[in-house]
Amino acid sequence: MECSEEGKTILGTYVLREEANVWLKNAKMRLGPGGIAIPWEMFK
């Protein structure tokens, strides 16, 4: 299947955005009231 560079960029952006949204949703649940704090060191 052929895909233009613009199409690849759009698809890649969409996939990354969705992955980030899932991560943020999960992080908010953990960091919410009574959640576990995640220190910056874990992200390095």
PDB file of N, CA and C in Angstrom:
ATOM      1  N   MET A   1       0.844  -1.171   0.000  1.00  0.00           N
ATOM      2  CA  MET A   1       0.000   0.000   0.000  1.00  0.00           C
ATOM      3  C   MET A   1       0.894   1.240   0.000  1.00  0.00           C
ATOM      4  N   GLU A   2       0.665   2.100  -0.925  1.00  0.00           N
ATOM      5  CA  GLU A   2       1.428   3.342  -1.026  1.00  0.00           C
ATOM      6  C   GLU A   2       0.798   4.409  -0.132  1.00  0.00           C
ATOM      7  N   CYS A   3       1.661   5.233   0.417  1.00  0.00           N
ATOM      8  CA  CYS A   3       1.199   6.319   1.282  1.00  0.00           C
ATOM      9  C   CYS A   3       2.143   7.504   1.084  1.00  0.00           C
ATOM     10  N   SER A   4       1.571   8.677   0.910  1.00  0.00           N
ATOM     11  CA  SER A   4       2.401   9.866   0.716  1.00  0.00           C
ATOM     12  C   SER A   4       3.119  10.224   2.015  1.00  0.00           C
ATOM     13  N   GLU A   5       4.150  11.025   1.893  1.00  0.00           N
ATOM     14  CA  GLU A   5       4.873  11.483   3.083  1.00  0.00           C
ATOM     15  C   GLU A   5       3.940  12.270   3.997  1.00  0.00           C
ATOM     16  N   GLU A   6       3.065  13.064   3.401  1.00  0.00           N
ATOM     17  CA  GLU A   6       2.103  13.830   4.200  1.00  0.00           C
ATOM     18  C   GLU A   6       1.163  12.888   4.947  1.00  0.00           C
ATOM     19  N   GLY A   7       0.713  11.847   4.269  1.00  0.00           N
ATOM     20  CA  GLY A   7      -0.159  10.860   4.906  1.00  0.00           C
ATOM     21  C   GLY A   7       0.533  10.144   6.051  1.00  0.00           C
ATOM     22  N   LYS A   8       1.804   9.802   5.847  1.00  0.00           N
ATOM     23  CA  LYS A   8       2.581   9.148   6.909  1.00  0.00           C
ATOM     24  C   LYS A   8       2.713  10.063   8.120  1.00  0.00           C
ATOM     25  N   THR A   9       2.945  11.339   7.862  1.00  0.00           N
ATOM     26  CA  THR A   9       3.086  12.312   8.945  1.00  0.00           C
ATOM     27  C   THR A   9       1.783  12.453   9.718  1.00  0.00           C
ATOM     28  N   ILE A  10       0.684  12.540   9.004  1.00  0.00           N
ATOM     29  CA  ILE A  10      -0.625  12.677   9.649  1.00  0.00           C
ATOM     30  C   ILE A  10      -0.935  11.442  10.491  1.00  0.00           C
ATOM     31  N   LEU A  11      -0.704  10.262   9.931  1.00  0.00           N
ATOM     32  CA  LEU A  11      -0.964   9.023  10.663  1.00  0.00           C
ATOM     33  C   LEU A  11      -0.057   8.907  11.886  1.00  0.00           C
ATOM     34  N   GLY A  12       1.221   9.206  11.716  1.00  0.00           N
ATOM     35  CA  GLY A  12       2.160   9.140  12.834  1.00  0.00           C
ATOM     36  C   GLY A  12       1.776  10.080  13.955  1.00  0.00           C
ATOM     37  N   THR A  13       1.354  11.281  13.593  1.00  0.00           N
ATOM     38  CA  THR A  13       0.924  12.266  14.585  1.00  0.00           C
ATOM     39  C   THR A  13      -0.296  11.767  15.341  1.00  0.00           C
ATOM     40  N   TYR A  14      -1.240  11.195  14.613  1.00  0.00           N
ATOM     41  CA  TYR A  14      -2.451  10.661  15.240  1.00  0.00           C
ATOM     42  C   TYR A  14      -2.105   9.548  16.231  1.00  0.00           C
ATOM     43  N   VAL A  15      -1.260   8.615  15.813  1.00  0.00           N
ATOM     44  CA  VAL A  15      -0.892   7.487  16.674  1.00  0.00           C
ATOM     45  C   VAL A  15      -0.193   7.987  17.935  1.00  0.00           C
ATOM     46  N   LEU A  16       0.761   8.892  17.779  1.00  0.00           N
ATOM     47  CA  LEU A  16       1.473   9.423  18.945  1.00  0.00           C
ATOM     48  C   LEU A  16       0.535  10.171  19.885  1.00  0.00           C
ATOM     49  N   ARG A  17      -0.390  10.935  19.328  1.00  0.00           N
ATOM     50  CA  ARG A  17      -1.340  11.690  20.151  1.00  0.00           C
ATOM     51  C   ARG A  17      -2.213  10.733  20.959  1.00  0.00           C
ATOM     52  N   GLU A  18      -2.699   9.683  20.310  1.00  0.00           N
ATOM     53  CA  GLU A  18      -3.540   8.719  21.013  1.00  0.00           C
ATOM     54  C   GLU A  18      -2.764   8.001  22.114  1.00  0.00           C
ATOM     55  N   GLU A  19      -1.520   7.619  21.832  1.00  0.00           N
ATOM     56  CA  GLU A  19      -0.691   6.977  22.854  1.00  0.00           C
ATOM     57  C   GLU A  19      -0.471   7.918  24.034  1.00  0.00           C
ATOM     58  N   ALA A  20      -0.228   9.196  23.744  1.00  0.00           N
ATOM     59  CA  ALA A  20      -0.027  10.182  24.809  1.00  0.00           C
ATOM     60  C   ALA A  20      -1.303  10.360  25.626  1.00  0.00           C
ATOM     61  N   ASN A  21      -2.455  10.353  24.970  1.00  0.00           N
ATOM     62  CA  ASN A  21      -3.724  10.493  25.687  1.00  0.00           C
ATOM     63  C   ASN A  21      -3.967   9.315  26.622  1.00  0.00           C
ATOM     64  N   VAL A  22      -3.662   8.109  26.167  1.00  0.00           N
ATOM     65  CA  VAL A  22      -3.813   6.919  27.013  1.00  0.00           C
ATOM     66  C   VAL A  22      -2.866   7.009  28.204  1.00  0.00           C
ATOM     67  N   TRP A  23      -1.621   7.397  27.946  1.00  0.00           N
ATOM     68  CA  TRP A  23      -0.644   7.527  29.033  1.00  0.00           C
ATOM     69  C   TRP A  23      -1.109   8.556  30.059  1.00  0.00           C
ATOM     70  N   LEU A  24      -1.571   9.712  29.583  1.00  0.00           N
ATOM     71  CA  LEU A  24      -2.006  10.773  30.487  1.00  0.00           C
ATOM     72  C   LEU A  24      -3.201  10.331  31.321  1.00  0.00           C
ATOM     73  N   LYS A  25      -4.148   9.654  30.697  1.00  0.00           N
ATOM     74  CA  LYS A  25      -5.316   9.157  31.426  1.00  0.00           C
ATOM     75  C   LYS A  25      -4.878   8.221  32.551  1.00  0.00           C
ATOM     76  N   ASN A  26      -3.980   7.297  32.251  1.00  0.00           N
ATOM     77  CA  ASN A  26      -3.487   6.365  33.267  1.00  0.00           C
ATOM     78  C   ASN A  26      -2.685   7.082  34.350  1.00  0.00           C
ATOM     79  N   ALA A  27      -1.860   8.041  33.953  1.00  0.00           N
ATOM     80  CA  ALA A  27      -1.069   8.790  34.929  1.00  0.00           C
ATOM     81  C   ALA A  27      -1.975   9.584  35.861  1.00  0.00           C
ATOM     82  N   LYS A  28      -3.027  10.179  35.330  1.00  0.00           N
ATOM     83  CA  LYS A  28      -3.961  10.950  36.161  1.00  0.00           C
ATOM     84  C   LYS A  28      -4.644  10.054  37.186  1.00  0.00           C
ATOM     85  N   MET A  29      -4.977   8.825  36.787  1.00  0.00           N
ATOM     86  CA  MET A  29      -5.609   7.905  37.738  1.00  0.00           C
ATOM     87  C   MET A  29      -4.649   7.562  38.872  1.00  0.00           C
ATOM     88  N   ARG A  30      -3.376   7.377  38.550  1.00  0.00           N
ATOM     89  CA  ARG A  30      -2.389   7.043  39.579  1.00  0.00           C
ATOM     90  C   ARG A  30      -2.042   8.242  40.441  1.00  0.00           C
ATOM     91  N   LEU A  31      -2.058   9.429  39.853  1.00  0.00           N
ATOM     92  CA  LEU A  31      -1.653  10.630  40.576  1.00  0.00           C
ATOM     93  C   LEU A  31      -2.812  11.327  41.272  1.00  0.00           C
ATOM     94  N   GLY A  32      -4.015  10.830  41.063  1.00  0.00           N
ATOM     95  CA  GLY A  32      -5.186  11.441  41.667  1.00  0.00           C
ATOM     96  C   GLY A  32      -5.173  11.294  43.179  1.00  0.00           C
ATOM     97  N   PRO A  33      -6.272  11.651  43.821  1.00  0.00           N
ATOM     98  CA  PRO A  33      -6.352  11.540  45.281  1.00  0.00           C
ATOM     99  C   PRO A  33      -5.974  10.124  45.735  1.00  0.00           C
ATOM    100  N   GLY A  34      -4.971  10.053  46.585  1.00  0.00           N
ATOM    101  CA  GLY A  34      -4.509   8.761  47.073  1.00  0.00           C
ATOM    102  C   GLY A  34      -3.653   8.001  46.083  1.00  0.00           C
ATOM    103  N   GLY A  35      -3.330   8.611  44.950  1.00  0.00           N
ATOM    104  CA  GLY A  35      -2.518   7.946  43.930  1.00  0.00           C
ATOM    105  C   GLY A  35      -1.038   7.955  44.285  1.00  0.00           C
ATOM    106  N   ILE A  36      -0.272   7.300  43.458  1.00  0.00           N
ATOM    107  CA  ILE A  36       1.169   7.207  43.661  1.00  0.00           C
ATOM    108  C   ILE A  36       1.855   8.325  42.884  1.00  0.00           C
ATOM    109  N   ALA A  37       2.691   9.096  43.554  1.00  0.00           N
ATOM    110  CA  ALA A  37       3.456  10.146  42.880  1.00  0.00           C
ATOM    111  C   ALA A  37       4.582   9.505  42.074  1.00  0.00           C
ATOM    112  N   ILE A  38       4.780   9.972  40.858  1.00  0.00           N
ATOM    113  CA  ILE A  38       5.842   9.465  40.000  1.00  0.00           C
ATOM    114  C   ILE A  38       6.925  10.534  39.926  1.00  0.00           C
ATOM    115  N   PRO A  39       8.109  10.264  40.477  1.00  0.00           N
ATOM    116  CA  PRO A  39       9.173  11.272  40.451  1.00  0.00           C
ATOM    117  C   PRO A  39       9.748  11.458  39.047  1.00  0.00           C
ATOM    118  N   TRP A  40      10.276  12.641  38.808  1.00  0.00           N
ATOM    119  CA  TRP A  40      10.849  12.975  37.509  1.00  0.00           C
ATOM    120  C   TRP A  40      11.944  11.997  37.105  1.00  0.00           C
ATOM    121  N   GLU A  41      12.702  11.490  38.060  1.00  0.00           N
ATOM    122  CA  GLU A  41      13.814  10.578  37.779  1.00  0.00           C
ATOM    123  C   GLU A  41      13.352   9.343  37.000  1.00  0.00           C
ATOM    124  N   MET A  42      12.118   8.916  37.196  1.00  0.00           N
ATOM    125  CA  MET A  42      11.617   7.734  36.496  1.00  0.00           C
ATOM    126  C   MET A  42      11.438   7.982  35.003  1.00  0.00           C
ATOM    127  N   PHE A  43      11.319   9.238  34.598  1.00  0.00           N
ATOM    128  CA  PHE A  43      11.089   9.561  33.193  1.00  0.00           C
ATOM    129  C   PHE A  43      12.377   9.681  32.393  1.00  0.00           C
ATOM    130  N   LYS A  44      13.503   9.776  33.067  1.00  0.00           N
ATOM    131  CA  LYS A  44      14.775   9.956  32.366  1.00  0.00           C
ATOM    132  C   LYS A  44      15.227   8.686  31.711  1.00  0.00           C
TER     133      LYS A  44
END
